[in-house]
Amino acid sequence: MSAPDTALRQQLAHFLDWKEAHADFDTAVTGVPPAMRGTAPPGAAHSPWQILEHLRIAQHDILDFSVNPAYREKKWPDDYWTAGAPPSPTAWDESVAAYKRDLAALQALARDPNIDLLATIPHGSGQTYIREILLVVDHAAYHVGQLVLVRQLLGIWP
């Protein structure tokens, strides 16, 4: 593996959990009062819980697509958005933990010298590994920002 390849892989892994340019995932999900997790503010389409779950579901789906030859496509938007509030007192923390596990797996994928980042995913329809990693980066940046805005509208942003 060449030095430029190593640098690119390290940068991609870093981008997946970027903290420099804006609020990061951990900051956005920390400190949301349990009573507010299922509340969408007036004018907003989603609650903090719905955004967190969407982030988790979409990231997991992209990871699954990237590594699982038996991947099954989900139905948009039904399988990507949940309704209501967290179903249990532990659901929020479980969702955060699952997101972080999948994030770590994506970072490992980005760093894996055995994966040609520019290669098409064998069971896909032209998608490359680097495209899927960058899709997760972009998607997370968008929805973490949305979560921050929803928290601001609810008056629960630090």
N, C-alpha and C. Protein backbone atom coordinates (compact mmCIF):
# COMPACT_ATOMS: atom_id res chain seq x y z
N MET A 1 0.86 -1.18 0.00
CA MET A 1 0.00 0.00 0.00
C MET A 1 0.90 1.24 0.00
N SER A 2 0.60 2.15 -0.86
CA SER A 2 1.41 3.36 -0.97
C SER A 2 1.05 4.37 0.10
N ALA A 3 1.95 5.30 0.34
CA ALA A 3 1.69 6.35 1.33
C ALA A 3 0.47 7.19 0.97
N PRO A 4 0.29 7.60 -0.31
CA PRO A 4 -0.91 8.36 -0.65
C PRO A 4 -2.19 7.56 -0.40
N ASP A 5 -2.15 6.24 -0.68
CA ASP A 5 -3.31 5.39 -0.43
C ASP A 5 -3.61 5.33 1.07
N THR A 6 -2.58 5.18 1.87
CA THR A 6 -2.75 5.15 3.32
C THR A 6 -3.33 6.48 3.81
N ALA A 7 -2.82 7.57 3.31
CA ALA A 7 -3.32 8.89 3.72
C ALA A 7 -4.79 9.05 3.33
N LEU A 8 -5.15 8.62 2.13
CA LEU A 8 -6.54 8.71 1.69
C LEU A 8 -7.44 7.87 2.58
N ARG A 9 -7.02 6.66 2.88
CA ARG A 9 -7.83 5.78 3.72
C ARG A 9 -8.00 6.36 5.12
N GLN A 10 -6.93 6.91 5.67
CA GLN A 10 -7.02 7.52 7.00
C GLN A 10 -7.97 8.73 6.97
N GLN A 11 -7.88 9.53 5.91
CA GLN A 11 -8.74 10.71 5.80
C GLN A 11 -10.21 10.31 5.66
N LEU A 12 -10.49 9.29 4.87
CA LEU A 12 -11.86 8.82 4.73
C LEU A 12 -12.41 8.32 6.07
N ALA A 13 -11.62 7.54 6.77
CA ALA A 13 -12.05 7.05 8.09
C ALA A 13 -12.30 8.21 9.03
N HIS A 14 -11.46 9.22 8.96
CA HIS A 14 -11.62 10.42 9.79
C HIS A 14 -12.89 11.18 9.41
N PHE A 15 -13.14 11.34 8.11
CA PHE A 15 -14.35 12.05 7.66
C PHE A 15 -15.62 11.41 8.18
N LEU A 16 -15.61 10.09 8.34
CA LEU A 16 -16.82 9.41 8.82
C LEU A 16 -17.25 9.89 10.20
N ASP A 17 -16.31 10.39 10.97
CA ASP A 17 -16.62 10.87 12.33
C ASP A 17 -16.03 12.26 12.53
N TRP A 18 -16.18 13.10 11.52
CA TRP A 18 -15.57 14.42 11.51
C TRP A 18 -16.10 15.31 12.62
N LYS A 19 -15.20 16.00 13.29
CA LYS A 19 -15.57 16.87 14.40
C LYS A 19 -15.12 18.32 14.20
N GLU A 20 -14.37 18.60 13.15
CA GLU A 20 -13.80 19.93 13.02
C GLU A 20 -14.73 20.97 12.42
N ALA A 21 -15.49 20.62 11.39
CA ALA A 21 -16.22 21.61 10.60
C ALA A 21 -17.59 21.96 11.17
N HIS A 22 -18.13 21.12 12.02
CA HIS A 22 -19.50 21.33 12.51
C HIS A 22 -19.73 20.41 13.71
N ALA A 23 -20.91 20.51 14.29
CA ALA A 23 -21.24 19.62 15.41
C ALA A 23 -21.14 18.17 14.94
N ASP A 24 -20.62 17.33 15.79
CA ASP A 24 -20.48 15.92 15.45
C ASP A 24 -21.65 15.11 16.01
N PHE A 25 -21.71 13.86 15.62
CA PHE A 25 -22.79 12.97 16.04
C PHE A 25 -22.92 12.91 17.55
N ASP A 26 -21.81 12.70 18.24
CA ASP A 26 -21.86 12.56 19.70
C ASP A 26 -22.45 13.80 20.37
N THR A 27 -22.04 14.97 19.93
CA THR A 27 -22.56 16.20 20.49
C THR A 27 -24.05 16.33 20.21
N ALA A 28 -24.46 15.98 18.99
CA ALA A 28 -25.86 16.12 18.59
C ALA A 28 -26.79 15.20 19.36
N VAL A 29 -26.32 14.02 19.76
CA VAL A 29 -27.22 13.06 20.44
C VAL A 29 -27.11 13.08 21.95
N THR A 30 -26.12 13.78 22.49
CA THR A 30 -25.91 13.80 23.93
C THR A 30 -26.78 14.87 24.58
N GLY A 31 -27.43 14.48 25.66
CA GLY A 31 -28.18 15.45 26.46
C GLY A 31 -29.61 15.70 26.00
N VAL A 32 -30.14 14.89 25.10
CA VAL A 32 -31.54 15.05 24.69
C VAL A 32 -32.40 14.45 25.79
N PRO A 33 -33.21 15.26 26.46
CA PRO A 33 -34.03 14.73 27.56
C PRO A 33 -34.97 13.63 27.05
N PRO A 34 -35.09 12.52 27.78
CA PRO A 34 -35.97 11.44 27.34
C PRO A 34 -37.38 11.89 26.96
N ALA A 35 -37.92 12.85 27.69
CA ALA A 35 -39.29 13.31 27.41
C ALA A 35 -39.40 14.06 26.09
N MET A 36 -38.27 14.52 25.54
CA MET A 36 -38.29 15.31 24.30
C MET A 36 -37.85 14.50 23.07
N ARG A 37 -37.41 13.30 23.27
CA ARG A 37 -36.84 12.52 22.17
C ARG A 37 -37.84 12.22 21.05
N GLY A 38 -39.10 12.10 21.40
CA GLY A 38 -40.14 11.81 20.41
C GLY A 38 -40.94 13.02 19.98
N THR A 39 -40.47 14.22 20.33
CA THR A 39 -41.21 15.45 20.05
C THR A 39 -40.64 16.17 18.83
N ALA A 40 -41.48 16.39 17.85
CA ALA A 40 -41.08 17.21 16.70
C ALA A 40 -41.56 18.63 16.96
N PRO A 41 -40.69 19.63 16.83
CA PRO A 41 -41.12 21.01 17.07
C PRO A 41 -42.06 21.48 15.96
N PRO A 42 -42.85 22.50 16.24
CA PRO A 42 -43.73 23.04 15.21
C PRO A 42 -42.94 23.40 13.95
N GLY A 43 -43.45 22.97 12.82
CA GLY A 43 -42.80 23.27 11.55
C GLY A 43 -41.73 22.28 11.13
N ALA A 44 -41.37 21.37 12.00
CA ALA A 44 -40.35 20.36 11.66
C ALA A 44 -41.03 19.03 11.35
N ALA A 45 -40.48 18.31 10.43
CA ALA A 45 -41.07 17.05 10.01
C ALA A 45 -40.74 15.88 10.94
N HIS A 46 -39.64 16.01 11.70
CA HIS A 46 -39.17 14.86 12.47
C HIS A 46 -38.74 15.24 13.88
N SER A 47 -38.83 14.26 14.76
CA SER A 47 -38.37 14.39 16.14
C SER A 47 -36.89 13.98 16.21
N PRO A 48 -36.23 14.27 17.33
CA PRO A 48 -34.86 13.79 17.50
C PRO A 48 -34.76 12.27 17.33
N TRP A 49 -35.72 11.54 17.88
CA TRP A 49 -35.71 10.08 17.77
C TRP A 49 -35.79 9.64 16.30
N GLN A 50 -36.67 10.25 15.55
CA GLN A 50 -36.82 9.86 14.15
C GLN A 50 -35.54 10.13 13.36
N ILE A 51 -34.89 11.24 13.64
CA ILE A 51 -33.65 11.56 12.94
C ILE A 51 -32.54 10.59 13.34
N LEU A 52 -32.42 10.32 14.64
CA LEU A 52 -31.41 9.37 15.11
C LEU A 52 -31.62 8.01 14.46
N GLU A 53 -32.84 7.53 14.47
CA GLU A 53 -33.12 6.22 13.89
C GLU A 53 -32.87 6.22 12.38
N HIS A 54 -33.21 7.30 11.72
CA HIS A 54 -32.95 7.38 10.28
C HIS A 54 -31.45 7.32 10.01
N LEU A 55 -30.68 8.05 10.79
CA LEU A 55 -29.22 7.99 10.65
C LEU A 55 -28.71 6.57 10.83
N ARG A 56 -29.19 5.91 11.87
CA ARG A 56 -28.74 4.54 12.17
C ARG A 56 -29.15 3.58 11.06
N ILE A 57 -30.40 3.64 10.66
CA ILE A 57 -30.92 2.70 9.66
C ILE A 57 -30.19 2.90 8.33
N ALA A 58 -30.07 4.14 7.89
CA ALA A 58 -29.44 4.41 6.59
C ALA A 58 -27.96 4.02 6.60
N GLN A 59 -27.26 4.35 7.67
CA GLN A 59 -25.85 3.99 7.74
C GLN A 59 -25.69 2.48 7.73
N HIS A 60 -26.53 1.78 8.50
CA HIS A 60 -26.45 0.32 8.53
C HIS A 60 -26.74 -0.26 7.15
N ASP A 61 -27.71 0.31 6.48
CA ASP A 61 -28.08 -0.17 5.15
C ASP A 61 -26.92 -0.01 4.16
N ILE A 62 -26.26 1.12 4.21
CA ILE A 62 -25.12 1.35 3.31
C ILE A 62 -23.97 0.41 3.65
N LEU A 63 -23.70 0.21 4.92
CA LEU A 63 -22.67 -0.76 5.33
C LEU A 63 -23.04 -2.16 4.86
N ASP A 64 -24.28 -2.56 5.09
CA ASP A 64 -24.74 -3.88 4.69
C ASP A 64 -24.59 -4.06 3.17
N PHE A 65 -25.01 -3.07 2.42
CA PHE A 65 -24.86 -3.12 0.97
C PHE A 65 -23.40 -3.29 0.57
N SER A 66 -22.52 -2.59 1.27
CA SER A 66 -21.10 -2.58 0.91
C SER A 66 -20.40 -3.92 1.16
N VAL A 67 -20.87 -4.68 2.13
CA VAL A 67 -20.13 -5.89 2.53
C VAL A 67 -20.91 -7.19 2.41
N ASN A 68 -22.19 -7.13 2.15
CA ASN A 68 -23.02 -8.33 2.18
C ASN A 68 -23.48 -8.72 0.78
N PRO A 69 -22.94 -9.80 0.23
CA PRO A 69 -23.38 -10.23 -1.11
C PRO A 69 -24.86 -10.62 -1.15
N ALA A 70 -25.46 -10.93 -0.01
CA ALA A 70 -26.88 -11.30 0.05
C ALA A 70 -27.75 -10.10 0.43
N TYR A 71 -27.22 -8.90 0.28
CA TYR A 71 -27.95 -7.66 0.62
C TYR A 71 -29.33 -7.63 -0.04
N ARG A 72 -30.31 -7.16 0.74
CA ARG A 72 -31.67 -6.96 0.24
C ARG A 72 -32.01 -5.49 0.36
N GLU A 73 -32.40 -4.90 -0.75
CA GLU A 73 -32.73 -3.47 -0.78
C GLU A 73 -33.97 -3.18 0.06
N LYS A 74 -33.91 -2.07 0.79
CA LYS A 74 -35.03 -1.62 1.61
C LYS A 74 -35.99 -0.80 0.75
N LYS A 75 -37.20 -0.64 1.25
CA LYS A 75 -38.21 0.16 0.56
C LYS A 75 -38.12 1.61 1.05
N TRP A 76 -37.97 2.52 0.09
CA TRP A 76 -37.91 3.95 0.41
C TRP A 76 -39.31 4.54 0.32
N PRO A 77 -39.72 5.37 1.26
CA PRO A 77 -39.04 5.79 2.50
C PRO A 77 -39.44 4.95 3.71
N ASP A 78 -40.37 4.04 3.51
CA ASP A 78 -40.97 3.31 4.63
C ASP A 78 -39.97 2.64 5.56
N ASP A 79 -38.95 2.00 5.00
CA ASP A 79 -37.99 1.25 5.82
C ASP A 79 -36.89 2.13 6.42
N TYR A 80 -36.89 3.40 6.08
CA TYR A 80 -35.82 4.29 6.53
C TYR A 80 -36.25 5.30 7.59
N TRP A 81 -37.53 5.45 7.78
CA TRP A 81 -38.05 6.42 8.75
C TRP A 81 -39.01 5.72 9.70
N THR A 82 -38.85 5.98 10.98
CA THR A 82 -39.73 5.42 11.99
C THR A 82 -40.71 6.49 12.46
N ALA A 83 -41.79 6.06 13.04
CA ALA A 83 -42.78 7.00 13.58
C ALA A 83 -42.71 6.97 15.10
N GLY A 84 -43.24 8.00 15.70
CA GLY A 84 -43.39 8.01 17.15
C GLY A 84 -42.14 8.28 17.94
N ALA A 85 -42.20 7.84 19.18
CA ALA A 85 -41.14 8.07 20.16
C ALA A 85 -40.35 6.77 20.35
N PRO A 86 -39.22 6.86 21.05
CA PRO A 86 -38.47 5.63 21.34
C PRO A 86 -39.39 4.60 22.00
N PRO A 87 -39.33 3.34 21.57
CA PRO A 87 -40.24 2.32 22.10
C PRO A 87 -39.94 1.84 23.52
N SER A 88 -38.76 2.22 24.04
CA SER A 88 -38.40 1.81 25.40
C SER A 88 -37.44 2.84 25.99
N PRO A 89 -37.26 2.81 27.31
CA PRO A 89 -36.31 3.75 27.93
C PRO A 89 -34.87 3.57 27.46
N THR A 90 -34.54 2.38 26.97
CA THR A 90 -33.16 2.11 26.55
C THR A 90 -32.96 2.26 25.04
N ALA A 91 -34.02 2.49 24.28
CA ALA A 91 -33.94 2.50 22.81
C ALA A 91 -32.99 3.57 22.29
N TRP A 92 -33.00 4.75 22.90
CA TRP A 92 -32.12 5.83 22.43
C TRP A 92 -30.66 5.40 22.51
N ASP A 93 -30.26 4.94 23.71
CA ASP A 93 -28.87 4.53 23.90
C ASP A 93 -28.50 3.35 23.02
N GLU A 94 -29.42 2.43 22.80
CA GLU A 94 -29.17 1.28 21.93
C GLU A 94 -28.97 1.74 20.49
N SER A 95 -29.75 2.71 20.04
CA SER A 95 -29.62 3.23 18.69
C SER A 95 -28.27 3.94 18.52
N VAL A 96 -27.90 4.75 19.50
CA VAL A 96 -26.60 5.44 19.46
C VAL A 96 -25.47 4.42 19.40
N ALA A 97 -25.54 3.38 20.23
CA ALA A 97 -24.49 2.36 20.25
C ALA A 97 -24.42 1.61 18.92
N ALA A 98 -25.56 1.29 18.33
CA ALA A 98 -25.57 0.59 17.04
C ALA A 98 -24.98 1.48 15.95
N TYR A 99 -25.31 2.77 15.97
CA TYR A 99 -24.75 3.70 15.00
C TYR A 99 -23.22 3.71 15.12
N LYS A 100 -22.72 3.78 16.34
CA LYS A 100 -21.27 3.83 16.55
C LYS A 100 -20.59 2.52 16.14
N ARG A 101 -21.24 1.38 16.36
CA ARG A 101 -20.66 0.10 15.92
C ARG A 101 -20.53 0.06 14.39
N ASP A 102 -21.59 0.48 13.72
CA ASP A 102 -21.55 0.48 12.25
C ASP A 102 -20.57 1.52 11.73
N LEU A 103 -20.45 2.65 12.42
CA LEU A 103 -19.48 3.66 12.04
C LEU A 103 -18.06 3.09 12.13
N ALA A 104 -17.78 2.38 13.21
CA ALA A 104 -16.46 1.75 13.37
C ALA A 104 -16.21 0.73 12.26
N ALA A 105 -17.23 -0.02 11.87
CA ALA A 105 -17.08 -0.99 10.79
C ALA A 105 -16.81 -0.29 9.46
N LEU A 106 -17.46 0.84 9.21
CA LEU A 106 -17.20 1.61 8.00
C LEU A 106 -15.79 2.20 8.01
N GLN A 107 -15.33 2.64 9.17
CA GLN A 107 -13.97 3.15 9.27
C GLN A 107 -12.96 2.04 8.99
N ALA A 108 -13.24 0.84 9.50
CA ALA A 108 -12.35 -0.30 9.23
C ALA A 108 -12.36 -0.63 7.74
N LEU A 109 -13.51 -0.56 7.11
CA LEU A 109 -13.61 -0.79 5.67
C LEU A 109 -12.76 0.23 4.91
N ALA A 110 -12.86 1.49 5.30
CA ALA A 110 -12.09 2.54 4.63
C ALA A 110 -10.59 2.29 4.78
N ARG A 111 -10.16 1.79 5.92
CA ARG A 111 -8.73 1.58 6.18
C ARG A 111 -8.20 0.26 5.63
N ASP A 112 -9.07 -0.63 5.24
CA ASP A 112 -8.68 -1.98 4.84
C ASP A 112 -7.91 -1.96 3.52
N PRO A 113 -6.61 -2.27 3.54
CA PRO A 113 -5.82 -2.24 2.31
C PRO A 113 -6.21 -3.32 1.31
N ASN A 114 -7.00 -4.29 1.75
CA ASN A 114 -7.45 -5.35 0.84
C ASN A 114 -8.67 -4.94 0.02
N ILE A 115 -9.26 -3.80 0.35
CA ILE A 115 -10.41 -3.29 -0.39
C ILE A 115 -9.92 -2.22 -1.35
N ASP A 116 -10.19 -2.42 -2.62
CA ASP A 116 -9.90 -1.40 -3.63
C ASP A 116 -11.03 -0.39 -3.57
N LEU A 117 -10.76 0.77 -3.02
CA LEU A 117 -11.80 1.78 -2.82
C LEU A 117 -12.48 2.21 -4.12
N LEU A 118 -11.78 2.10 -5.23
CA LEU A 118 -12.33 2.51 -6.53
C LEU A 118 -13.02 1.37 -7.27
N ALA A 119 -12.97 0.18 -6.71
CA ALA A 119 -13.60 -0.98 -7.34
C ALA A 119 -15.10 -0.92 -7.15
N THR A 120 -15.81 -1.45 -8.13
CA THR A 120 -17.26 -1.55 -7.97
C THR A 120 -17.58 -2.68 -7.01
N ILE A 121 -18.62 -2.49 -6.25
CA ILE A 121 -19.07 -3.51 -5.31
C ILE A 121 -19.66 -4.65 -6.13
N PRO A 122 -19.16 -5.88 -5.96
CA PRO A 122 -19.53 -6.97 -6.85
C PRO A 122 -21.03 -7.20 -7.03
N HIS A 123 -21.80 -7.04 -5.99
CA HIS A 123 -23.23 -7.30 -6.07
C HIS A 123 -24.05 -6.02 -6.30
N GLY A 124 -23.38 -4.92 -6.58
CA GLY A 124 -24.07 -3.66 -6.83
C GLY A 124 -24.35 -3.45 -8.30
N SER A 125 -24.67 -2.20 -8.62
CA SER A 125 -24.96 -1.86 -10.02
C SER A 125 -24.08 -0.69 -10.45
N GLY A 126 -22.80 -0.76 -10.07
CA GLY A 126 -21.84 0.26 -10.46
C GLY A 126 -21.31 1.10 -9.31
N GLN A 127 -21.85 0.95 -8.11
CA GLN A 127 -21.38 1.71 -6.96
C GLN A 127 -19.98 1.23 -6.55
N THR A 128 -19.16 2.17 -6.10
CA THR A 128 -17.82 1.84 -5.61
C THR A 128 -17.80 1.95 -4.08
N TYR A 129 -16.78 1.37 -3.49
CA TYR A 129 -16.64 1.46 -2.03
C TYR A 129 -16.46 2.91 -1.59
N ILE A 130 -15.66 3.65 -2.32
CA ILE A 130 -15.43 5.05 -1.94
C ILE A 130 -16.73 5.86 -2.04
N ARG A 131 -17.55 5.56 -3.04
CA ARG A 131 -18.83 6.26 -3.18
C ARG A 131 -19.70 6.00 -1.95
N GLU A 132 -19.75 4.77 -1.50
CA GLU A 132 -20.60 4.43 -0.36
C GLU A 132 -20.09 5.09 0.92
N ILE A 133 -18.78 5.14 1.10
CA ILE A 133 -18.21 5.82 2.27
C ILE A 133 -18.54 7.30 2.23
N LEU A 134 -18.35 7.93 1.08
CA LEU A 134 -18.65 9.36 0.96
C LEU A 134 -20.15 9.64 1.10
N LEU A 135 -20.98 8.70 0.67
CA LEU A 135 -22.43 8.83 0.86
C LEU A 135 -22.77 8.87 2.35
N VAL A 136 -22.14 8.02 3.13
CA VAL A 136 -22.37 8.03 4.58
C VAL A 136 -21.91 9.35 5.19
N VAL A 137 -20.75 9.84 4.77
CA VAL A 137 -20.23 11.12 5.29
C VAL A 137 -21.23 12.24 5.01
N ASP A 138 -21.67 12.33 3.77
CA ASP A 138 -22.58 13.39 3.37
C ASP A 138 -23.93 13.27 4.08
N HIS A 139 -24.46 12.07 4.11
CA HIS A 139 -25.77 11.83 4.75
C HIS A 139 -25.72 12.19 6.23
N ALA A 140 -24.67 11.77 6.90
CA ALA A 140 -24.55 12.06 8.33
C ALA A 140 -24.42 13.55 8.58
N ALA A 141 -23.63 14.24 7.78
CA ALA A 141 -23.46 15.68 7.97
C ALA A 141 -24.81 16.39 7.85
N TYR A 142 -25.59 16.00 6.86
CA TYR A 142 -26.90 16.62 6.66
C TYR A 142 -27.82 16.39 7.86
N HIS A 143 -27.95 15.13 8.27
CA HIS A 143 -28.92 14.81 9.32
C HIS A 143 -28.43 15.17 10.72
N VAL A 144 -27.13 15.19 10.95
CA VAL A 144 -26.63 15.70 12.24
C VAL A 144 -26.97 17.19 12.34
N GLY A 145 -26.80 17.93 11.25
CA GLY A 145 -27.21 19.33 11.24
C GLY A 145 -28.70 19.49 11.47
N GLN A 146 -29.48 18.62 10.87
CA GLN A 146 -30.93 18.65 11.07
C GLN A 146 -31.27 18.37 12.54
N LEU A 147 -30.58 17.44 13.15
CA LEU A 147 -30.81 17.12 14.56
C LEU A 147 -30.47 18.32 15.45
N VAL A 148 -29.39 19.00 15.14
CA VAL A 148 -29.03 20.21 15.90
C VAL A 148 -30.13 21.25 15.76
N LEU A 149 -30.63 21.47 14.56
CA LEU A 149 -31.70 22.46 14.35
C LEU A 149 -32.96 22.07 15.10
N VAL A 150 -33.34 20.82 15.07
CA VAL A 150 -34.54 20.37 15.80
C VAL A 150 -34.34 20.59 17.30
N ARG A 151 -33.16 20.30 17.79
CA ARG A 151 -32.89 20.54 19.22
C ARG A 151 -32.96 22.04 19.54
N GLN A 152 -32.46 22.88 18.64
CA GLN A 152 -32.56 24.33 18.85
C GLN A 152 -34.02 24.75 18.90
N LEU A 153 -34.82 24.25 17.98
CA LEU A 153 -36.25 24.61 17.94
C LEU A 153 -36.99 24.13 19.17
N LEU A 154 -36.53 23.01 19.74
CA LEU A 154 -37.16 22.48 20.97
C LEU A 154 -36.61 23.17 22.21
N GLY A 155 -35.59 24.00 22.07
CA GLY A 155 -34.98 24.67 23.21
C GLY A 155 -34.12 23.75 24.07
N ILE A 156 -33.56 22.70 23.44
CA ILE A 156 -32.75 21.74 24.20
C ILE A 156 -31.35 21.60 23.63
N TRP A 157 -30.89 22.66 22.96
CA TRP A 157 -29.51 22.67 22.44
C TRP A 157 -28.66 23.46 23.41
N PRO A 158 -27.47 22.92 23.76
CA PRO A 158 -26.64 23.64 24.75
C PRO A 158 -26.30 25.05 24.34
